């Protein structure tokens, strides 16, 4: 089994060193001040992604109709599935022809790919396993659940306790990664690979098969208890500590799952998390040994408290579920994440699928232990697109990926506008993310709520406290999104639309804070900024605050057009303050 002491970790290191020794640099994650960045061809790369519908990448001919629209949407990376049933329809016989066609076409459009390995597990089922796996339940036994009345139900889900299962999956995944190294190792079209998809068990909190039930009665593996206890105070996830406040009192190697985590669903979920993470640990290690580009797995989120959900006219159930089994039991939700990190060290990070949760809260959860934030699935509408600014700015995301982008025309897709602006300033964003994470903040404003009460975004940069509100208009204030990057000495780069920034000195002796100078900026194809209009007067409310307006501000019937429409959506503003003494009054 894969563990911290597993020799496969040595293989990963040796493989990586050997691959780079031939002067071929593959995509990798480079540590920054508080996170990591993806490096491609020696340069940091900001992933402006979209995820395709599940079956899109299975046909290169279909994809030939998709590329132009994706390019027009300002997407630079597409997430799409490569399935076990597609590449190994007969055991030991591999076919990568469709994948190769897709990769070649991606290069024509100067686009990258993140491949989603749908192997043993996809959305808590095994529907993408090949027929020879599905039909052989002796070799690949299934998960069994308990229904009302004590009736056992067989799921289309390969047991995570099945050694033959992970061995076959690992063999196929290794073949895929080996092929990528040979076919794409120089071009780096493929940036990362997701290992499985939203793993876990639905319909019950644990596998009720005879084998699983026997294992459930045994002590929790010593490595698991020792790791969690040793890291409990310093780095174990806060939601694990909240759920299991007495964990440190356990005796290593003695406590059963129920003694460690309590009788019922909690113990059963942690048991399944250990099983699924070990299974995927084997699979990911096999692939990493062949071609060590970044690997991750994604998560179907849960919720402990409905207040963390961000729902509008949709039922609470879409939030993922409050009980293991309603959401996939054993997946890498926050309170199981540390078990996953222990058992699957070949995974570089764990990524949340973020649709209906409070966006910022989940960003915090999945920056756990300074791992990089990547959001492989989220909403593709305007509400979802606005939120990427928070991810890229405040939480230093390496990428965001709205789902189902191939069925949305670029001309009506909100993503087009957001990604277009982000792409133009990506070098500036990447520099701040890496070297000055304390100097960058992202934010968004949705349509005005009812009642119209909301808090502004407030943060201190250097000698100034900044308050970001909706852009001033005489009529109805509109939505907005953007980021602020502190350039030093009171100079701030403002990117986005639909907001305004007020500056306040942090010096207690300051008697006045204002705007010293402000300029509209344009950006050229090389990412360099140039001054356009010098902004003052109405654009700064005579020095009170700087406005980054919407494209079509609502004048509310007021006969004077005070607020100008947005144009470049980039500005540079320098704040200043003065400190007077009694003789100045």
Protein backbone atom coordinates (compact mmCIF):
# COMPACT_ATOMS: atom_id res chain seq x y z
CA UNK A 1 0.00 0.00 0.00
CA UNK A 2 1.14 3.55 -0.69
CA UNK A 3 2.33 5.36 2.43
CA UNK A 4 4.86 7.97 3.43
CA UNK A 5 7.46 5.23 3.58
CA UNK A 6 6.43 3.60 0.31
CA UNK A 7 9.42 3.12 -2.07
CA UNK A 8 7.26 4.46 -4.89
CA UNK A 9 8.00 7.97 -3.57
CA UNK A 10 11.68 7.35 -4.28
CA UNK A 11 10.74 6.21 -7.80
CA UNK A 12 8.84 9.46 -8.36
CA UNK A 13 11.86 11.54 -7.36
CA UNK A 14 14.30 9.53 -9.46
CA UNK A 15 11.95 9.58 -12.45
CA UNK A 16 11.54 13.34 -12.24
CA UNK A 17 15.29 13.91 -12.01
CA UNK A 18 16.03 11.59 -14.90
CA UNK A 19 13.41 13.19 -17.10
CA UNK A 20 14.78 16.68 -16.52
CA UNK A 21 18.37 15.52 -16.96
CA UNK A 22 17.78 15.28 -20.72
CA UNK A 23 17.08 19.05 -20.76
CA UNK A 24 13.37 18.64 -21.36
CA UNK A 25 11.36 20.68 -18.90
CA UNK A 26 7.91 19.30 -18.22
CA UNK A 27 5.02 21.17 -16.54
CA UNK A 28 5.59 21.31 -12.80
CA UNK A 29 4.50 23.17 -9.68
CA UNK A 30 7.02 25.66 -8.34
CA UNK A 31 6.81 26.77 -4.72
CA UNK A 32 6.08 30.44 -4.18
CA UNK A 33 5.95 32.53 -1.03
CA UNK A 34 2.73 30.98 0.28
CA UNK A 35 1.53 28.60 -2.45
CA UNK A 36 2.71 27.14 -5.78
CA UNK A 37 2.46 28.12 -9.43
CA UNK A 38 2.27 25.99 -12.53
CA UNK A 39 5.36 26.40 -14.71
CA UNK A 40 5.15 25.58 -18.43
CA UNK A 41 8.16 25.83 -20.72
CA UNK A 42 10.05 27.55 -17.92
CA UNK A 43 7.46 30.30 -17.30
CA UNK A 44 4.58 30.58 -14.81
CA UNK A 45 1.25 29.91 -16.45
CA UNK A 46 -2.20 31.10 -15.37
CA UNK A 47 -4.78 28.48 -16.29
CA UNK A 48 -7.90 30.12 -17.73
CA UNK A 49 -9.82 26.91 -18.15
CA UNK A 50 -13.16 25.42 -18.99
CA UNK A 51 -14.33 21.87 -18.54
CA UNK A 52 -15.97 20.04 -21.43
CA UNK A 53 -19.04 17.89 -21.12
CA UNK A 54 -18.12 14.34 -20.11
CA UNK A 55 -18.09 12.73 -23.56
CA UNK A 56 -16.70 15.57 -25.68
CA UNK A 57 -13.04 14.58 -25.69
CA UNK A 58 -13.78 11.02 -26.80
CA UNK A 59 -14.03 12.11 -30.46
CA UNK A 60 -11.39 14.22 -32.20
CA UNK A 61 -13.79 14.93 -35.06
CA UNK A 62 -16.36 16.41 -32.68
CA UNK A 63 -13.67 18.43 -30.97
CA UNK A 64 -12.66 19.96 -34.31
CA UNK A 65 -15.98 21.87 -34.14
CA UNK A 66 -15.29 23.00 -30.58
CA UNK A 67 -11.81 24.52 -30.71
CA UNK A 68 -12.67 27.80 -32.54
CA UNK A 69 -15.42 28.64 -30.06
CA UNK A 70 -13.20 27.85 -27.08
CA UNK A 71 -10.46 30.07 -28.47
CA UNK A 72 -12.99 32.87 -28.96
CA UNK A 73 -14.08 32.45 -25.31
CA UNK A 74 -10.50 33.33 -24.26
CA UNK A 75 -9.99 29.90 -22.71
CA UNK A 76 -6.38 28.74 -22.80
CA UNK A 77 -6.88 25.26 -21.31
CA UNK A 78 -9.64 22.68 -21.64
CA UNK A 79 -10.41 19.95 -19.11
CA UNK A 80 -11.70 16.78 -20.71
CA UNK A 81 -12.01 13.10 -19.91
CA UNK A 82 -9.87 10.20 -21.03
CA UNK A 83 -11.65 7.04 -19.99
CA UNK A 84 -10.42 3.59 -19.11
CA UNK A 85 -13.02 1.95 -21.35
CA UNK A 86 -11.81 4.08 -24.27
CA UNK A 87 -8.08 3.39 -24.07
CA UNK A 88 -8.16 -0.27 -22.92
CA UNK A 89 -11.31 -1.88 -24.37
CA UNK A 90 -9.63 -5.29 -24.12
CA UNK A 91 -7.21 -6.05 -21.31
CA UNK A 92 -3.66 -5.21 -22.27
CA UNK A 93 -4.65 -3.66 -25.62
CA UNK A 94 -4.31 0.13 -25.60
CA UNK A 95 -5.61 2.61 -28.14
CA UNK A 96 -4.70 6.30 -27.91
CA UNK A 97 -5.66 7.36 -31.45
CA UNK A 98 -8.55 9.63 -30.48
CA UNK A 99 -6.51 11.26 -27.71
CA UNK A 100 -3.60 11.87 -30.06
CA UNK A 101 -5.92 13.54 -32.55
CA UNK A 102 -7.28 15.81 -29.84
CA UNK A 103 -3.78 16.77 -28.66
CA UNK A 104 -2.65 17.58 -32.20
CA UNK A 105 -5.67 19.80 -32.77
CA UNK A 106 -5.18 21.55 -29.43
CA UNK A 107 -1.71 22.56 -30.60
CA UNK A 108 -3.14 24.08 -33.77
CA UNK A 109 -5.19 26.45 -31.62
CA UNK A 110 -2.36 27.06 -29.13
CA UNK A 111 -4.42 25.55 -26.34
CA UNK A 112 -3.57 23.26 -23.47
CA UNK A 113 -5.33 20.31 -21.88
CA UNK A 114 -5.88 18.97 -18.40
CA UNK A 115 -6.92 15.35 -18.78
CA UNK A 116 -9.46 13.78 -16.46
CA UNK A 117 -8.74 10.10 -15.89
CA UNK A 118 -12.10 8.39 -15.55
CA UNK A 119 -10.81 5.02 -14.43
CA UNK A 120 -12.35 3.00 -11.64
CA UNK A 121 -14.33 5.92 -10.23
CA UNK A 122 -16.44 8.69 -11.70
CA UNK A 123 -19.08 10.40 -9.55
CA UNK A 124 -19.01 7.57 -7.01
CA UNK A 125 -19.59 4.87 -9.65
CA UNK A 126 -17.52 2.71 -11.97
CA UNK A 127 -19.43 3.41 -15.16
CA UNK A 128 -16.26 4.23 -17.13
CA UNK A 129 -14.48 0.99 -16.30
CA UNK A 130 -14.11 -1.28 -19.37
CA UNK A 131 -16.53 -4.13 -19.97
CA UNK A 132 -13.97 -6.75 -18.97
CA UNK A 133 -13.83 -5.15 -15.51
CA UNK A 134 -17.58 -4.62 -15.11
CA UNK A 135 -18.46 -8.19 -16.02
CA UNK A 136 -15.91 -9.98 -13.83
CA UNK A 137 -17.20 -9.56 -10.29
CA UNK A 138 -15.06 -12.42 -8.98
CA UNK A 139 -11.88 -10.62 -9.91
CA UNK A 140 -13.32 -7.11 -9.41
CA UNK A 141 -15.89 -7.38 -6.61
CA UNK A 142 -18.46 -4.65 -6.14
CA UNK A 143 -19.45 -2.42 -3.27
CA UNK A 144 -22.63 -3.51 -1.48
CA UNK A 145 -24.92 -1.19 0.46
CA UNK A 146 -27.73 -1.72 2.90
CA UNK A 147 -31.20 -0.51 1.97
CA UNK A 148 -34.33 -0.14 4.06
CA UNK A 149 -35.51 -3.44 5.43
CA UNK A 150 -31.99 -4.86 5.54
CA UNK A 151 -31.84 -5.55 1.80
CA UNK A 152 -28.35 -5.69 0.32
CA UNK A 153 -27.87 -3.80 -2.93
CA UNK A 154 -25.07 -4.29 -5.46
CA UNK A 155 -23.70 -1.05 -6.88
CA UNK A 156 -21.91 -0.45 -10.15
CA UNK A 157 -18.88 0.47 -8.08
CA UNK A 158 -15.65 -1.50 -7.88
CA UNK A 159 -14.73 -2.14 -4.26
CA UNK A 160 -11.90 0.14 -3.06
CA UNK A 161 -10.69 -2.89 -1.08
CA UNK A 162 -10.09 -4.79 -4.33
CA UNK A 163 -6.36 -5.19 -4.99
CA UNK A 164 -7.00 -6.52 -8.50
CA UNK A 165 -8.98 -3.34 -9.16
CA UNK A 166 -6.28 -0.87 -8.28
CA UNK A 167 -3.61 -2.97 -9.99
CA UNK A 168 -5.54 -3.01 -13.27
CA UNK A 169 -6.41 0.68 -13.00
CA UNK A 170 -2.80 1.57 -12.14
CA UNK A 171 -1.54 -0.42 -15.13
CA UNK A 172 -3.87 1.45 -17.47
CA UNK A 173 -3.10 4.84 -15.95
CA UNK A 174 0.63 4.16 -16.16
CA UNK A 175 0.21 3.29 -19.84
CA UNK A 176 -1.61 6.59 -20.40
CA UNK A 177 1.08 8.63 -18.64
CA UNK A 178 3.85 6.77 -20.46
CA UNK A 179 2.16 7.56 -23.76
CA UNK A 180 1.81 11.24 -22.81
CA UNK A 181 5.51 11.40 -22.02
CA UNK A 182 6.36 9.97 -25.44
CA UNK A 183 3.76 11.90 -27.44
CA UNK A 184 3.70 15.22 -25.57
CA UNK A 185 6.78 15.39 -23.37
CA UNK A 186 8.36 18.18 -25.44
CA UNK A 187 5.30 20.16 -26.48
CA UNK A 188 3.60 20.14 -23.03
CA UNK A 189 0.10 20.40 -24.46
CA UNK A 190 -1.14 18.39 -21.48
CA UNK A 191 -0.43 20.35 -18.29
CA UNK A 192 -1.88 18.16 -15.55
CA UNK A 193 -3.99 15.04 -15.04
CA UNK A 194 -6.89 14.53 -12.66
CA UNK A 195 -6.91 11.04 -11.15
CA UNK A 196 -10.49 9.66 -11.05
CA UNK A 197 -13.49 11.95 -10.48
CA UNK A 198 -15.53 12.74 -7.37
CA UNK A 199 -14.62 9.49 -5.66
CA UNK A 200 -16.67 7.92 -2.91
CA UNK A 201 -19.80 5.92 -2.17
CA UNK A 202 -23.39 7.09 -2.58
CA UNK A 203 -26.41 5.49 -0.95
CA UNK A 204 -24.68 4.36 2.24
CA UNK A 205 -21.89 5.52 4.49
CA UNK A 206 -19.72 2.43 3.96
CA UNK A 207 -19.35 -0.75 1.96
CA UNK A 208 -21.34 -3.54 3.65
CA UNK A 209 -19.62 -6.44 1.88
CA UNK A 210 -18.17 -9.24 3.97
CA UNK A 211 -14.57 -8.14 3.32
CA UNK A 212 -15.27 -4.50 4.17
CA UNK A 213 -17.14 -5.44 7.34
CA UNK A 214 -14.23 -7.58 8.54
CA UNK A 215 -11.74 -4.77 7.91
CA UNK A 216 -13.97 -2.24 9.65
CA UNK A 217 -13.65 -4.15 12.90
CA UNK A 218 -9.85 -3.96 12.86
CA UNK A 219 -7.77 -1.15 14.39
CA UNK A 220 -7.21 2.00 12.40
CA UNK A 221 -3.82 1.63 10.64
CA UNK A 222 -1.00 2.86 12.86
CA UNK A 223 0.32 5.19 10.16
CA UNK A 224 -3.02 6.98 9.98
CA UNK A 225 -3.38 7.52 13.73
CA UNK A 226 0.28 8.47 14.19
CA UNK A 227 0.15 10.99 11.37
CA UNK A 228 -3.07 12.64 12.49
CA UNK A 229 -1.94 12.82 16.10
CA UNK A 230 1.49 14.24 15.27
CA UNK A 231 -0.01 16.91 13.00
CA UNK A 232 -3.15 17.57 15.03
CA UNK A 233 -2.19 20.89 16.59
CA UNK A 234 -0.01 22.24 13.79
CA UNK A 235 -1.44 21.34 10.41
CA UNK A 236 -4.44 18.99 10.50
CA UNK A 237 -7.45 20.59 8.83
CA UNK A 238 -9.53 22.75 11.17
CA UNK A 239 -12.73 20.91 10.20
CA UNK A 240 -11.15 17.60 11.25
CA UNK A 241 -10.28 19.08 14.64
CA UNK A 242 -13.78 20.49 14.98
CA UNK A 243 -15.36 17.11 14.23
CA UNK A 244 -12.93 15.02 16.31
CA UNK A 245 -11.81 17.17 19.27
CA UNK A 246 -10.62 14.19 21.38
CA UNK A 247 -8.59 12.41 18.73
CA UNK A 248 -5.24 12.93 20.44
CA UNK A 249 -6.33 10.75 23.35
CA UNK A 250 -6.34 7.61 21.15
CA UNK A 251 -3.88 4.78 21.59
CA UNK A 252 -2.05 4.16 18.33
CA UNK A 253 -2.50 0.69 16.87
CA UNK A 254 -5.32 -0.25 19.25
CA UNK A 255 -8.37 1.91 18.54
CA UNK A 256 -10.92 0.60 16.06
CA UNK A 257 -12.61 2.93 13.56
CA UNK A 258 -15.58 3.35 15.87
CA UNK A 259 -13.38 3.95 18.91
CA UNK A 260 -11.38 6.53 16.98
CA UNK A 261 -14.19 8.38 15.22
CA UNK A 262 -17.37 7.43 17.10
CA UNK A 263 -20.07 4.92 16.31
CA UNK A 264 -22.02 5.53 13.15
CA UNK A 265 -21.55 7.58 10.02
CA UNK A 266 -18.37 9.46 11.00
CA UNK A 267 -16.36 6.30 11.59
CA UNK A 268 -17.72 4.69 8.43
CA UNK A 269 -16.86 7.72 6.33
CA UNK A 270 -13.27 7.86 7.62
CA UNK A 271 -12.94 4.13 6.98
CA UNK A 272 -14.02 4.62 3.37
CA UNK A 273 -11.74 7.65 2.99
CA UNK A 274 -8.81 5.51 4.01
CA UNK A 275 -9.79 2.83 1.48
CA UNK A 276 -10.45 5.12 -1.47
CA UNK A 277 -7.35 7.23 -0.84
CA UNK A 278 -5.12 4.13 -0.69
CA UNK A 279 -6.62 2.86 -3.95
CA UNK A 280 -6.03 6.19 -5.70
CA UNK A 281 -2.65 6.42 -4.03
CA UNK A 282 -1.59 3.29 -5.91
CA UNK A 283 -3.03 4.51 -9.20
CA UNK A 284 -1.51 7.99 -9.00
CA UNK A 285 1.91 6.68 -7.94
CA UNK A 286 2.00 4.38 -10.97
CA UNK A 287 1.28 7.28 -13.29
CA UNK A 288 3.69 9.66 -11.58
CA UNK A 289 6.51 7.17 -11.96
CA UNK A 290 6.00 7.23 -15.73
CA UNK A 291 5.57 10.97 -16.29
CA UNK A 292 5.66 13.26 -13.24
CA UNK A 293 3.53 16.20 -14.35
CA UNK A 294 1.15 17.55 -11.69
CA UNK A 295 -1.61 15.17 -10.58
CA UNK A 296 -4.66 15.93 -8.46
CA UNK A 297 -8.07 14.57 -7.61
CA UNK A 298 -11.35 16.44 -7.30
CA UNK A 299 -14.09 16.45 -4.67
CA UNK A 300 -17.87 16.41 -4.50
CA UNK A 301 -18.33 18.73 -1.52
CA UNK A 302 -20.40 18.19 1.59
CA UNK A 303 -21.83 20.70 4.01
CA UNK A 304 -22.08 20.53 7.79
CA UNK A 305 -24.01 23.77 8.01
CA UNK A 306 -26.44 24.94 5.28
CA UNK A 307 -25.24 28.51 5.88
CA UNK A 308 -22.10 27.70 3.86
CA UNK A 309 -24.26 27.20 0.76
CA UNK A 310 -24.79 29.85 -1.90
CA UNK A 311 -28.21 28.96 -3.28
CA UNK A 312 -30.61 30.93 -5.43
CA UNK A 313 -33.90 29.25 -6.31
CA UNK A 314 -32.39 25.76 -6.10
CA UNK A 315 -33.00 23.11 -3.42
CA UNK A 316 -30.54 22.53 -0.59
CA UNK A 317 -29.83 19.00 -1.85
CA UNK A 318 -27.72 20.39 -4.71
CA UNK A 319 -25.29 21.62 -2.08
CA UNK A 320 -23.81 18.14 -1.82
CA UNK A 321 -25.43 16.71 1.29
CA UNK A 322 -24.92 16.87 5.03
CA UNK A 323 -24.50 13.13 5.61
CA UNK A 324 -21.93 10.77 4.14
CA UNK A 325 -23.70 8.65 1.57
CA UNK A 326 -25.82 11.58 0.44
CA UNK A 327 -22.54 13.09 -0.68
CA UNK A 328 -19.90 10.49 -1.64
CA UNK A 329 -18.69 8.84 1.54
CA UNK A 330 -14.90 8.59 1.54
CA UNK A 331 -14.20 11.49 -0.82
CA UNK A 332 -11.59 14.11 0.04
CA UNK A 333 -13.90 16.55 1.81
CA UNK A 334 -12.17 18.91 4.28
CA UNK A 335 -12.41 16.67 7.35
CA UNK A 336 -10.99 13.63 5.49
CA UNK A 337 -8.38 15.55 3.50
CA UNK A 338 -5.44 14.74 5.77
CA UNK A 339 -6.00 11.00 5.34
CA UNK A 340 -5.98 11.53 1.58
CA UNK A 341 -2.76 13.50 1.71
CA UNK A 342 -1.13 10.76 3.76
CA UNK A 343 -2.25 7.84 1.62
CA UNK A 344 -1.89 9.43 -1.83
CA UNK A 345 1.37 11.43 -1.76
CA UNK A 346 1.68 11.33 -5.57
CA UNK A 347 -1.24 13.75 -5.75
CA UNK A 348 0.08 17.31 -5.78
CA UNK A 349 -3.15 18.80 -4.45
CA UNK A 350 -6.84 18.15 -3.89
CA UNK A 351 -9.35 20.30 -5.76
CA UNK A 352 -12.96 21.21 -4.92
CA UNK A 353 -15.82 21.17 -7.42
CA UNK A 354 -17.44 24.42 -6.39
CA UNK A 355 -20.98 25.13 -7.57
CA UNK A 356 -23.29 26.06 -4.71
CA UNK A 357 -21.09 26.57 -1.67
CA UNK A 358 -20.03 29.92 -0.31
CA UNK A 359 -17.11 30.49 -2.65
CA UNK A 360 -14.63 32.13 -0.33
CA UNK A 361 -15.12 29.60 2.45
CA UNK A 362 -14.26 26.70 0.14
CA UNK A 363 -11.23 28.57 -1.22
CA UNK A 364 -9.97 28.79 2.36
CA UNK A 365 -10.64 25.10 2.99
CA UNK A 366 -8.67 23.98 -0.06
CA UNK A 367 -5.63 26.19 0.52
CA UNK A 368 -5.00 23.72 3.37
CA UNK A 369 -1.28 23.42 4.18
CA UNK A 370 -0.51 26.00 1.48
CA UNK A 371 -1.49 23.64 -1.31
CA UNK A 372 -2.30 25.47 -4.56
CA UNK A 373 -5.95 26.20 -5.24
CA UNK A 374 -7.43 24.80 -8.44
CA UNK A 375 -11.17 24.74 -9.10
CA UNK A 376 -11.82 22.09 -11.79
CA UNK A 377 -15.59 22.56 -11.87
CA UNK A 378 -17.78 25.56 -11.17
CA UNK A 379 -20.74 27.43 -12.61
CA UNK A 380 -20.41 28.79 -16.13
CA UNK A 381 -22.93 31.63 -15.69
CA UNK A 382 -22.17 35.23 -14.76
CA UNK A 383 -22.50 34.46 -11.06
CA UNK A 384 -19.83 31.81 -11.36
CA UNK A 385 -17.55 33.78 -13.66
CA UNK A 386 -17.39 36.77 -11.29
CA UNK A 387 -16.04 34.61 -8.52
CA UNK A 388 -12.86 33.60 -10.33
CA UNK A 389 -11.42 37.02 -9.48
CA UNK A 390 -11.54 36.13 -5.79
CA UNK A 391 -9.85 32.80 -6.48
CA UNK A 392 -7.05 34.21 -8.66
CA UNK A 393 -6.54 37.29 -6.52
CA UNK A 394 -6.96 36.62 -2.82
CA UNK A 395 -6.44 32.85 -2.93
CA UNK A 396 -3.72 32.72 -5.60
CA UNK A 397 -5.48 30.10 -7.70
CA UNK A 398 -3.50 28.41 -10.46
CA UNK A 399 -6.76 28.01 -12.40
CA UNK A 400 -10.55 27.94 -12.48
CA UNK A 401 -12.73 25.90 -14.81
CA UNK A 402 -16.44 26.50 -15.44
CA UNK A 403 -18.17 23.27 -16.47
CA UNK A 404 -19.95 22.59 -19.77
CA UNK A 405 -18.24 25.34 -21.74
CA UNK A 406 -18.48 23.59 -25.12
CA UNK A 407 -22.25 24.04 -25.31
CA UNK A 408 -22.11 27.81 -24.76
CA UNK A 409 -21.28 30.20 -27.61
CA UNK A 410 -18.49 32.65 -26.90
CA UNK A 411 -20.69 35.58 -27.92
CA UNK A 412 -23.05 34.98 -25.00
CA UNK A 413 -20.66 33.35 -22.53
CA UNK A 414 -19.79 35.50 -19.48
CA UNK A 415 -16.44 33.74 -19.43
CA UNK A 416 -15.34 35.55 -22.60
CA UNK A 417 -15.19 38.96 -20.94
CA UNK A 418 -13.71 37.83 -17.64
CA UNK A 419 -11.00 35.64 -19.17
CA UNK A 420 -10.22 38.23 -21.84
CA UNK A 421 -9.28 40.80 -19.22
CA UNK A 422 -7.49 38.28 -17.00
CA UNK A 423 -5.48 37.01 -19.94
CA UNK A 424 -4.28 40.51 -20.80
CA UNK A 425 -2.89 41.06 -17.28
CA UNK A 426 -1.87 37.47 -16.49
CA UNK A 427 1.85 38.26 -16.21
CA UNK A 428 1.12 41.00 -13.69
CA UNK A 429 -1.18 38.71 -11.69
CA UNK A 430 1.34 35.86 -11.71
CA UNK A 431 4.15 38.11 -10.46
CA UNK A 432 2.03 39.35 -7.56
CA UNK A 433 0.79 35.84 -6.71
CA UNK A 434 4.34 34.52 -6.50
CA UNK A 435 6.27 37.35 -4.88
CA UNK A 436 3.73 39.60 -3.16
CA UNK A 437 0.67 37.57 -2.16
CA UNK A 438 -0.06 40.10 0.57
CA UNK A 439 -0.43 42.78 -2.15
CA UNK A 440 -3.24 41.23 -4.22
CA UNK A 441 -6.96 40.94 -3.51
CA UNK A 442 -9.85 39.75 -5.66
CA UNK A 443 -13.55 40.43 -5.15
CA UNK A 444 -16.98 40.39 -6.77
CA UNK A 445 -20.43 41.92 -6.45
CA UNK A 446 -23.55 40.03 -7.50
CA UNK A 447 -26.83 41.65 -8.46
CA UNK A 448 -28.07 43.68 -5.52
CA UNK A 449 -29.71 41.49 -2.89
CA UNK A 450 -33.04 42.17 -1.22
CA UNK A 451 -32.81 43.80 1.27
CA UNK A 452 -29.93 45.79 -0.16
CA UNK A 453 -27.51 45.17 2.66
CA UNK A 454 -23.99 43.92 2.05
CA UNK A 455 -20.50 44.41 3.38
CA UNK A 456 -17.72 46.00 1.34
CA UNK A 457 -14.38 44.29 0.79
CA UNK A 458 -11.81 45.84 3.14
CA UNK A 459 -8.07 45.21 3.33
CA UNK A 460 -4.93 47.03 4.41
CA UNK A 461 -2.03 47.35 1.99
CA UNK A 462 1.07 49.09 3.31
CA UNK A 463 0.08 52.49 4.69
CA UNK A 464 -3.49 52.46 3.40
CA UNK A 465 -6.73 50.71 4.17
CA UNK A 466 -8.76 50.12 1.01
CA UNK A 467 -12.54 49.77 0.96
CA UNK A 468 -14.01 48.30 -2.21
CA UNK A 469 -17.72 48.98 -2.84
CA UNK A 470 -20.02 48.83 -5.82
CA UNK A 471 -19.41 51.55 -8.41
CA UNK A 472 -21.34 54.76 -7.75
CA UNK A 473 -24.31 55.50 -10.01
CA UNK A 474 -27.43 57.63 -9.54
CA UNK A 475 -29.60 54.68 -10.54
CA UNK A 476 -29.38 50.98 -9.63
CA UNK A 477 -25.84 49.85 -8.80
CA UNK A 478 -24.85 46.90 -10.92
CA UNK A 479 -22.73 43.79 -10.39
CA UNK A 480 -18.97 43.86 -10.67
CA UNK A 481 -15.73 41.96 -10.27
CA UNK A 482 -12.02 42.58 -10.23
CA UNK A 483 -8.85 42.79 -8.23
CA UNK A 484 -6.53 45.31 -6.64
CA UNK A 485 -2.75 44.90 -6.75
CA UNK A 486 -0.59 47.08 -4.53
CA UNK A 487 2.45 48.30 -6.45
CA UNK A 488 4.12 49.90 -3.42
CA UNK A 489 4.30 53.44 -2.03
CA UNK A 490 0.55 53.95 -2.20
CA UNK A 491 0.26 53.02 -5.88
CA UNK A 492 -2.47 50.56 -6.79
CA UNK A 493 -3.40 48.76 -9.99
CA UNK A 494 -7.18 48.39 -10.33
CA UNK A 495 -8.50 45.75 -12.72
CA UNK A 496 -12.14 44.99 -13.46
CA UNK A 497 -15.46 46.81 -13.50
CA UNK A 498 -18.45 47.72 -11.35
CA UNK A 499 -16.55 48.80 -8.24
CA UNK A 500 -14.99 51.81 -6.54
CA UNK A 501 -12.05 52.10 -4.16
CA UNK A 502 -11.76 54.43 -1.18
CA UNK A 503 -8.40 54.99 0.50
CA UNK A 504 -7.74 55.70 4.17
CA UNK A 505 -4.35 56.20 5.76
CA UNK A 506 -3.40 53.81 8.56
CA UNK A 507 -1.35 56.57 10.19
CA UNK A 508 -3.32 57.68 13.30
CA UNK A 509 -1.89 61.17 12.87
CA UNK A 510 -3.21 61.51 9.32
CA UNK A 511 -5.72 64.31 8.89
CA UNK A 512 -6.48 63.72 5.21
CA UNK A 513 -6.30 60.92 2.65
CA UNK A 514 -6.91 61.47 -1.02
CA UNK A 515 -5.98 60.49 -4.56
CA UNK A 516 -2.71 62.01 -5.73
CA UNK A 517 -2.85 60.86 -9.34
CA UNK A 518 -4.80 58.38 -11.44
CA UNK A 519 -4.54 57.06 -14.96
CA UNK A 520 -6.49 54.78 -17.23
CA UNK A 521 -4.23 52.04 -18.59
CA UNK A 522 -4.14 49.94 -21.74
CA UNK A 523 -2.19 46.73 -22.14
CA UNK A 524 -0.34 45.58 -25.24
CA UNK A 525 0.05 42.04 -26.59
CA UNK A 526 3.19 41.56 -24.49
CA UNK A 527 1.40 42.44 -21.26
CA UNK A 528 2.97 45.88 -20.89
CA UNK A 529 0.86 48.71 -19.49
CA UNK A 530 0.57 52.10 -21.20
CA UNK A 531 -1.09 55.29 -20.00
CA UNK A 532 -4.29 56.34 -21.75
CA UNK A 533 -6.51 59.01 -20.19
CA UNK A 534 -5.48 60.88 -17.05
CA UNK A 535 -8.48 60.51 -14.74
CA UNK A 536 -9.85 63.10 -12.32
CA UNK A 537 -13.04 64.99 -11.57
CA UNK A 538 -16.17 62.86 -11.92
CA UNK A 539 -14.08 59.70 -12.40
CA UNK A 540 -12.68 60.11 -8.87
CA UNK A 541 -15.65 61.97 -7.39
CA UNK A 542 -13.23 64.88 -7.06
CA UNK A 543 -10.70 62.76 -5.21
CA UNK A 544 -13.09 60.94 -2.85
CA UNK A 545 -12.73 57.50 -4.43
CA UNK A 546 -11.75 55.96 -7.74
CA UNK A 547 -14.55 54.48 -9.84
CA UNK A 548 -14.15 51.44 -12.10
CA UNK A 549 -17.55 51.68 -13.81
CA UNK A 550 -19.70 49.13 -15.56
CA UNK A 551 -20.06 49.14 -19.34
CA UNK A 552 -23.59 50.52 -19.12
CA UNK A 553 -24.03 52.46 -15.87
CA UNK A 554 -27.60 53.16 -14.77
CA UNK A 555 -28.19 56.92 -14.57
CA UNK A 556 -31.55 56.42 -12.88
CA UNK A 557 -33.19 59.12 -14.92
CA UNK A 558 -30.66 61.72 -13.78
CA UNK A 559 -30.18 64.14 -16.69
CA UNK A 560 -26.40 64.47 -16.32
CA UNK A 561 -24.20 61.48 -17.31
CA UNK A 562 -21.80 61.69 -14.38
CA UNK A 563 -20.46 58.13 -14.46
CA UNK A 564 -18.66 57.22 -17.69
CA UNK A 565 -18.94 53.69 -19.13
CA UNK A 566 -15.98 51.37 -18.65
CA UNK A 567 -13.42 51.11 -21.42
CA UNK A 568 -10.06 49.44 -20.76
CA UNK A 569 -11.06 48.21 -17.26
CA UNK A 570 -7.51 48.84 -16.02
CA UNK A 571 -6.37 51.85 -14.02
CA UNK A 572 -3.48 52.94 -11.82
CA UNK A 573 -4.22 55.09 -8.82
CA UNK A 574 -1.83 56.63 -6.28
CA UNK A 575 -3.15 57.50 -2.83
CA UNK A 576 -1.58 59.96 -0.42
CA UNK A 577 -2.15 61.30 3.06
CA UNK A 578 -1.02 64.26 5.09
CA UNK A 579 -0.40 64.59 8.80
CA UNK A 580 -0.91 68.08 10.20
CA UNK A 581 -0.02 69.46 13.57
CA UNK A 582 -1.81 72.14 15.56
CA UNK A 583 0.05 74.93 13.79
CA UNK A 584 -1.50 73.86 10.46
CA UNK A 585 -5.06 74.56 11.63
